[in-house]
Amino acid sequence: MRGFLGMDDSIPPGYQQIRYRVNIESEEDKDTILAAIEHADRHSPWLYNVKTALDVDREITIKQPSQKG
């Protein structure tokens, strides 16, 4: 949080690692389950975006209220 809040510039503002755990209860065999997970990972836009450095293009439009005098 210190990097995110701008309290310490030596600390990155984002995550350095993401870990997650998947718990599955199924009658399906292990190889079928793992194949389904691998397929989902290969086609997941969220996982792709997290694992890949992306170009970021920001466009800012600021409109000031008109002043009446």
PDB file of N, CA and C in Angstrom:
ATOM      1  N   MET A   1       0.817  -1.202   0.000  1.00  0.00           N
ATOM      2  CA  MET A   1       0.000   0.000   0.000  1.00  0.00           C
ATOM      3  C   MET A   1       0.858   1.263   0.000  1.00  0.00           C
ATOM      4  N   ARG A   2       2.035   1.189   0.554  1.00  0.00           N
ATOM      5  CA  ARG A   2       2.861   2.398   0.652  1.00  0.00           C
ATOM      6  C   ARG A   2       3.239   2.916  -0.732  1.00  0.00           C
ATOM      7  N   GLY A   3       3.504   1.994  -1.679  1.00  0.00           N
ATOM      8  CA  GLY A   3       3.802   2.418  -3.042  1.00  0.00           C
ATOM      9  C   GLY A   3       2.572   2.966  -3.738  1.00  0.00           C
ATOM     10  N   PHE A   4       1.444   2.311  -3.546  1.00  0.00           N
ATOM     11  CA  PHE A   4       0.188   2.728  -4.151  1.00  0.00           C
ATOM     12  C   PHE A   4      -0.246   4.107  -3.649  1.00  0.00           C
ATOM     13  N   LEU A   5      -0.017   4.358  -2.406  1.00  0.00           N
ATOM     14  CA  LEU A   5      -0.416   5.632  -1.812  1.00  0.00           C
ATOM     15  C   LEU A   5       0.616   6.734  -2.011  1.00  0.00           C
ATOM     16  N   GLY A   6       1.749   6.413  -2.666  1.00  0.00           N
ATOM     17  CA  GLY A   6       2.774   7.414  -2.916  1.00  0.00           C
ATOM     18  C   GLY A   6       3.585   7.772  -1.693  1.00  0.00           C
ATOM     19  N   MET A   7       3.574   6.905  -0.685  1.00  0.00           N
ATOM     20  CA  MET A   7       4.295   7.181   0.553  1.00  0.00           C
ATOM     21  C   MET A   7       5.768   6.787   0.465  1.00  0.00           C
ATOM     22  N   ASP A   8       6.092   5.891  -0.480  1.00  0.00           N
ATOM     23  CA  ASP A   8       7.472   5.426  -0.611  1.00  0.00           C
ATOM     24  C   ASP A   8       7.724   5.092  -2.080  1.00  0.00           C
ATOM     25  N   ASP A   9       8.476   5.945  -2.778  1.00  0.00           N
ATOM     26  CA  ASP A   9       8.731   5.748  -4.206  1.00  0.00           C
ATOM     27  C   ASP A   9       9.608   4.535  -4.502  1.00  0.00           C
ATOM     28  N   SER A  10      10.241   3.959  -3.486  1.00  0.00           N
ATOM     29  CA  SER A  10      11.070   2.780  -3.712  1.00  0.00           C
ATOM     30  C   SER A  10      10.238   1.497  -3.765  1.00  0.00           C
ATOM     31  N   ILE A  11       8.961   1.605  -3.428  1.00  0.00           N
ATOM     32  CA  ILE A  11       8.069   0.452  -3.433  1.00  0.00           C
ATOM     33  C   ILE A  11       7.151   0.554  -4.649  1.00  0.00           C
ATOM     34  N   PRO A  12       7.107  -0.491  -5.502  1.00  0.00           N
ATOM     35  CA  PRO A  12       6.224  -0.447  -6.669  1.00  0.00           C
ATOM     36  C   PRO A  12       4.757  -0.309  -6.242  1.00  0.00           C
ATOM     37  N   PRO A  13       3.945   0.390  -7.044  1.00  0.00           N
ATOM     38  CA  PRO A  13       2.551   0.579  -6.677  1.00  0.00           C
ATOM     39  C   PRO A  13       1.666  -0.635  -6.941  1.00  0.00           C
ATOM     40  N   GLY A  14       2.189  -1.631  -7.633  1.00  0.00           N
ATOM     41  CA  GLY A  14       1.369  -2.795  -7.979  1.00  0.00           C
ATOM     42  C   GLY A  14       1.892  -4.079  -7.376  1.00  0.00           C
ATOM     43  N   TYR A  15       1.280  -5.153  -7.809  1.00  0.00           N
ATOM     44  CA  TYR A  15       1.649  -6.471  -7.308  1.00  0.00           C
ATOM     45  C   TYR A  15       2.986  -6.924  -7.897  1.00  0.00           C
ATOM     46  N   GLN A  16       3.745  -7.661  -7.125  1.00  0.00           N
ATOM     47  CA  GLN A  16       4.975  -8.269  -7.619  1.00  0.00           C
ATOM     48  C   GLN A  16       4.757  -9.735  -7.930  1.00  0.00           C
ATOM     49  N   GLN A  17       3.697 -10.304  -7.405  1.00  0.00           N
ATOM     50  CA  GLN A  17       3.373 -11.701  -7.645  1.00  0.00           C
ATOM     51  C   GLN A  17       1.903 -11.921  -7.330  1.00  0.00           C
ATOM     52  N   ILE A  18       1.296 -12.815  -8.111  1.00  0.00           N
ATOM     53  CA  ILE A  18      -0.078 -13.234  -7.826  1.00  0.00           C
ATOM     54  C   ILE A  18      -0.066 -14.746  -7.704  1.00  0.00           C
ATOM     55  N   ARG A  19      -0.585 -15.234  -6.613  1.00  0.00           N
ATOM     56  CA  ARG A  19      -0.706 -16.682  -6.410  1.00  0.00           C
ATOM     57  C   ARG A  19      -2.168 -17.004  -6.179  1.00  0.00           C
ATOM     58  N   TYR A  20      -2.569 -18.159  -6.692  1.00  0.00           N
ATOM     59  CA  TYR A  20      -3.931 -18.597  -6.429  1.00  0.00           C
ATOM     60  C   TYR A  20      -3.969 -20.107  -6.314  1.00  0.00           C
ATOM     61  N   ARG A  21      -4.969 -20.588  -5.638  1.00  0.00           N
ATOM     62  CA  ARG A  21      -5.121 -22.014  -5.398  1.00  0.00           C
ATOM     63  C   ARG A  21      -6.455 -22.449  -5.992  1.00  0.00           C
ATOM     64  N   VAL A  22      -6.443 -23.577  -6.660  1.00  0.00           N
ATOM     65  CA  VAL A  22      -7.662 -24.137  -7.241  1.00  0.00           C
ATOM     66  C   VAL A  22      -7.944 -25.455  -6.546  1.00  0.00           C
ATOM     67  N   ASN A  23      -9.117 -25.572  -5.969  1.00  0.00           N
ATOM     68  CA  ASN A  23      -9.553 -26.817  -5.340  1.00  0.00           C
ATOM     69  C   ASN A  23     -10.700 -27.373  -6.167  1.00  0.00           C
ATOM     70  N   ILE A  24     -10.560 -28.602  -6.616  1.00  0.00           N
ATOM     71  CA  ILE A  24     -11.571 -29.221  -7.466  1.00  0.00           C
ATOM     72  C   ILE A  24     -12.005 -30.537  -6.851  1.00  0.00           C
ATOM     73  N   GLU A  25     -13.304 -30.720  -6.789  1.00  0.00           N
ATOM     74  CA  GLU A  25     -13.859 -32.006  -6.401  1.00  0.00           C
ATOM     75  C   GLU A  25     -14.642 -32.504  -7.613  1.00  0.00           C
ATOM     76  N   SER A  26     -14.227 -33.629  -8.167  1.00  0.00           N
ATOM     77  CA  SER A  26     -14.854 -34.112  -9.388  1.00  0.00           C
ATOM     78  C   SER A  26     -14.652 -35.611  -9.529  1.00  0.00           C
ATOM     79  N   GLU A  27     -15.591 -36.232 -10.201  1.00  0.00           N
ATOM     80  CA  GLU A  27     -15.449 -37.650 -10.524  1.00  0.00           C
ATOM     81  C   GLU A  27     -14.647 -37.845 -11.812  1.00  0.00           C
ATOM     82  N   GLU A  28     -14.375 -36.750 -12.510  1.00  0.00           N
ATOM     83  CA  GLU A  28     -13.608 -36.821 -13.757  1.00  0.00           C
ATOM     84  C   GLU A  28     -12.167 -37.198 -13.455  1.00  0.00           C
ATOM     85  N   ASP A  29     -11.493 -37.829 -14.428  1.00  0.00           N
ATOM     86  CA  ASP A  29     -10.102 -38.233 -14.182  1.00  0.00           C
ATOM     87  C   ASP A  29      -9.177 -37.008 -14.207  1.00  0.00           C
ATOM     88  N   LYS A  30      -8.054 -37.159 -13.544  1.00  0.00           N
ATOM     89  CA  LYS A  30      -7.101 -36.065 -13.346  1.00  0.00           C
ATOM     90  C   LYS A  30      -6.640 -35.454 -14.668  1.00  0.00           C
ATOM     91  N   ASP A  31      -6.311 -36.289 -15.669  1.00  0.00           N
ATOM     92  CA  ASP A  31      -5.807 -35.773 -16.941  1.00  0.00           C
ATOM     93  C   ASP A  31      -6.848 -34.908 -17.653  1.00  0.00           C
ATOM     94  N   THR A  32      -8.106 -35.289 -17.584  1.00  0.00           N
ATOM     95  CA  THR A  32      -9.168 -34.509 -18.215  1.00  0.00           C
ATOM     96  C   THR A  32      -9.319 -33.156 -17.522  1.00  0.00           C
ATOM     97  N   ILE A  33      -9.251 -33.162 -16.204  1.00  0.00           N
ATOM     98  CA  ILE A  33      -9.367 -31.921 -15.446  1.00  0.00           C
ATOM     99  C   ILE A  33      -8.192 -30.995 -15.763  1.00  0.00           C
ATOM    100  N   LEU A  34      -6.981 -31.543 -15.752  1.00  0.00           N
ATOM    101  CA  LEU A  34      -5.803 -30.719 -16.045  1.00  0.00           C
ATOM    102  C   LEU A  34      -5.852 -30.180 -17.468  1.00  0.00           C
ATOM    103  N   ALA A  35      -6.336 -30.963 -18.409  1.00  0.00           N
ATOM    104  CA  ALA A  35      -6.455 -30.499 -19.795  1.00  0.00           C
ATOM    105  C   ALA A  35      -7.454 -29.354 -19.893  1.00  0.00           C
ATOM    106  N   ALA A  36      -8.545 -29.450 -19.165  1.00  0.00           N
ATOM    107  CA  ALA A  36      -9.542 -28.378 -19.174  1.00  0.00           C
ATOM    108  C   ALA A  36      -8.974 -27.095 -18.571  1.00  0.00           C
ATOM    109  N   ILE A  37      -8.204 -27.223 -17.510  1.00  0.00           N
ATOM    110  CA  ILE A  37      -7.584 -26.056 -16.882  1.00  0.00           C
ATOM    111  C   ILE A  37      -6.568 -25.426 -17.824  1.00  0.00           C
ATOM    112  N   GLU A  38      -5.742 -26.247 -18.475  1.00  0.00           N
ATOM    113  CA  GLU A  38      -4.755 -25.728 -19.429  1.00  0.00           C
ATOM    114  C   GLU A  38      -5.444 -25.008 -20.582  1.00  0.00           C
ATOM    115  N   HIS A  39      -6.531 -25.571 -21.082  1.00  0.00           N
ATOM    116  CA  HIS A  39      -7.292 -24.928 -22.155  1.00  0.00           C
ATOM    117  C   HIS A  39      -7.823 -23.575 -21.689  1.00  0.00           C
ATOM    118  N   ALA A  40      -8.395 -23.544 -20.509  1.00  0.00           N
ATOM    119  CA  ALA A  40      -8.932 -22.292 -19.972  1.00  0.00           C
ATOM    120  C   ALA A  40      -7.825 -21.256 -19.798  1.00  0.00           C
ATOM    121  N   ASP A  41      -6.674 -21.671 -19.300  1.00  0.00           N
ATOM    122  CA  ASP A  41      -5.556 -20.742 -19.122  1.00  0.00           C
ATOM    123  C   ASP A  41      -5.073 -20.191 -20.466  1.00  0.00           C
ATOM    124  N   ARG A  42      -5.011 -21.027 -21.495  1.00  0.00           N
ATOM    125  CA  ARG A  42      -4.548 -20.578 -22.816  1.00  0.00           C
ATOM    126  C   ARG A  42      -5.490 -19.560 -23.443  1.00  0.00           C
ATOM    127  N   HIS A  43      -6.761 -19.598 -23.087  1.00  0.00           N
ATOM    128  CA  HIS A  43      -7.748 -18.728 -23.712  1.00  0.00           C
ATOM    129  C   HIS A  43      -8.304 -17.657 -22.775  1.00  0.00           C
ATOM    130  N   SER A  44      -7.677 -17.493 -21.629  1.00  0.00           N
ATOM    131  CA  SER A  44      -8.148 -16.520 -20.646  1.00  0.00           C
ATOM    132  C   SER A  44      -7.569 -15.134 -20.942  1.00  0.00           C
ATOM    133  N   PRO A  45      -8.412 -14.153 -21.282  1.00  0.00           N
ATOM    134  CA  PRO A  45      -7.891 -12.804 -21.495  1.00  0.00           C
ATOM    135  C   PRO A  45      -7.336 -12.199 -20.203  1.00  0.00           C
ATOM    136  N   TRP A  46      -7.944 -12.524 -19.076  1.00  0.00           N
ATOM    137  CA  TRP A  46      -7.444 -11.996 -17.803  1.00  0.00           C
ATOM    138  C   TRP A  46      -6.035 -12.505 -17.525  1.00  0.00           C
ATOM    139  N   LEU A  47      -5.828 -13.806 -17.675  1.00  0.00           N
ATOM    140  CA  LEU A  47      -4.512 -14.375 -17.416  1.00  0.00           C
ATOM    141  C   LEU A  47      -3.486 -13.838 -18.410  1.00  0.00           C
ATOM    142  N   TYR A  48      -3.871 -13.711 -19.663  1.00  0.00           N
ATOM    143  CA  TYR A  48      -2.969 -13.151 -20.672  1.00  0.00           C
ATOM    144  C   TYR A  48      -2.539 -11.739 -20.289  1.00  0.00           C
ATOM    145  N   ASN A  49      -3.502 -10.911 -19.909  1.00  0.00           N
ATOM    146  CA  ASN A  49      -3.184  -9.528 -19.559  1.00  0.00           C
ATOM    147  C   ASN A  49      -2.303  -9.425 -18.329  1.00  0.00           C
ATOM    148  N   VAL A  50      -2.488 -10.307 -17.382  1.00  0.00           N
ATOM    149  CA  VAL A  50      -1.676 -10.278 -16.170  1.00  0.00           C
ATOM    150  C   VAL A  50      -0.248 -10.751 -16.465  1.00  0.00           C
ATOM    151  N   LYS A  51      -0.103 -11.733 -17.337  1.00  0.00           N
ATOM    152  CA  LYS A  51       1.211 -12.320 -17.600  1.00  0.00           C
ATOM    153  C   LYS A  51       2.017 -11.567 -18.654  1.00  0.00           C
ATOM    154  N   THR A  52       1.383 -10.673 -19.398  1.00  0.00           N
ATOM    155  CA  THR A  52       2.030 -10.020 -20.526  1.00  0.00           C
ATOM    156  C   THR A  52       2.122  -8.516 -20.292  1.00  0.00           C
ATOM    157  N   ALA A  53       3.268  -7.954 -20.598  1.00  0.00           N
ATOM    158  CA  ALA A  53       3.385  -6.494 -20.536  1.00  0.00           C
ATOM    159  C   ALA A  53       2.588  -5.908 -21.690  1.00  0.00           C
ATOM    160  N   LEU A  54       1.694  -5.003 -21.392  1.00  0.00           N
ATOM    161  CA  LEU A  54       0.838  -4.392 -22.409  1.00  0.00           C
ATOM    162  C   LEU A  54       1.178  -2.923 -22.572  1.00  0.00           C
ATOM    163  N   ASP A  55       1.039  -2.427 -23.805  1.00  0.00           N
ATOM    164  CA  ASP A  55       1.126  -0.992 -24.015  1.00  0.00           C
ATOM    165  C   ASP A  55      -0.117  -0.364 -23.400  1.00  0.00           C
ATOM    166  N   VAL A  56       0.075   0.768 -22.785  1.00  0.00           N
ATOM    167  CA  VAL A  56      -1.050   1.488 -22.188  1.00  0.00           C
ATOM    168  C   VAL A  56      -1.169   2.823 -22.901  1.00  0.00           C
ATOM    169  N   ASP A  57      -2.335   3.105 -23.416  1.00  0.00           N
ATOM    170  CA  ASP A  57      -2.583   4.346 -24.136  1.00  0.00           C
ATOM    171  C   ASP A  57      -3.648   5.124 -23.375  1.00  0.00           C
ATOM    172  N   ARG A  58      -3.252   6.237 -22.820  1.00  0.00           N
ATOM    173  CA  ARG A  58      -4.193   7.047 -22.032  1.00  0.00           C
ATOM    174  C   ARG A  58      -4.589   8.271 -22.842  1.00  0.00           C
ATOM    175  N   GLU A  59      -5.868   8.565 -22.838  1.00  0.00           N
ATOM    176  CA  GLU A  59      -6.384   9.773 -23.463  1.00  0.00           C
ATOM    177  C   GLU A  59      -7.179  10.530 -22.399  1.00  0.00           C
ATOM    178  N   ILE A  60      -6.833  11.784 -22.228  1.00  0.00           N
ATOM    179  CA  ILE A  60      -7.507  12.602 -21.220  1.00  0.00           C
ATOM    180  C   ILE A  60      -8.190  13.778 -21.908  1.00  0.00           C
ATOM    181  N   THR A  61      -9.435  13.980 -21.609  1.00  0.00           N
ATOM    182  CA  THR A  61     -10.170  15.129 -22.105  1.00  0.00           C
ATOM    183  C   THR A  61     -10.674  15.889 -20.886  1.00  0.00           C
ATOM    184  N   ILE A  62     -10.326  17.150 -20.833  1.00  0.00           N
ATOM    185  CA  ILE A  62     -10.763  17.985 -19.711  1.00  0.00           C
ATOM    186  C   ILE A  62     -11.584  19.128 -20.289  1.00  0.00           C
ATOM    187  N   LYS A  63     -12.780  19.249 -19.812  1.00  0.00           N
ATOM    188  CA  LYS A  63     -13.645  20.335 -20.240  1.00  0.00           C
ATOM    189  C   LYS A  63     -13.937  21.219 -19.035  1.00  0.00           C
ATOM    190  N   GLN A  64     -13.558  22.439 -19.153  1.00  0.00           N
ATOM    191  CA  GLN A  64     -13.804  23.401 -18.075  1.00  0.00           C
ATOM    192  C   GLN A  64     -15.209  23.986 -18.256  1.00  0.00           C
ATOM    193  N   PRO A  65     -15.916  24.174 -17.160  1.00  0.00           N
ATOM    194  CA  PRO A  65     -17.234  24.795 -17.287  1.00  0.00           C
ATOM    195  C   PRO A  65     -17.078  26.237 -17.805  1.00  0.00           C
ATOM    196  N   SER A  66     -17.996  26.633 -18.634  1.00  0.00           N
ATOM    197  CA  SER A  66     -17.921  28.006 -19.138  1.00  0.00           C
ATOM    198  C   SER A  66     -18.219  28.993 -18.010  1.00  0.00           C
ATOM    199  N   GLN A  67     -17.476  30.082 -18.033  1.00  0.00           N
ATOM    200  CA  GLN A  67     -17.663  31.098 -16.981  1.00  0.00           C
ATOM    201  C   GLN A  67     -18.605  32.182 -17.499  1.00  0.00           C
ATOM    202  N   LYS A  68     -19.545  32.552 -16.689  1.00  0.00           N
ATOM    203  CA  LYS A  68     -20.455  33.635 -17.046  1.00  0.00           C
ATOM    204  C   LYS A  68     -20.054  34.875 -16.265  1.00  0.00           C
ATOM    205  N   GLY A  69     -19.881  35.964 -16.947  1.00  0.00           N
ATOM    206  CA  GLY A  69     -19.415  37.149 -16.243  1.00  0.00           C
ATOM    207  C   GLY A  69     -20.257  38.255 -16.479  1.00  0.00           C
TER     208      GLY A  69
END
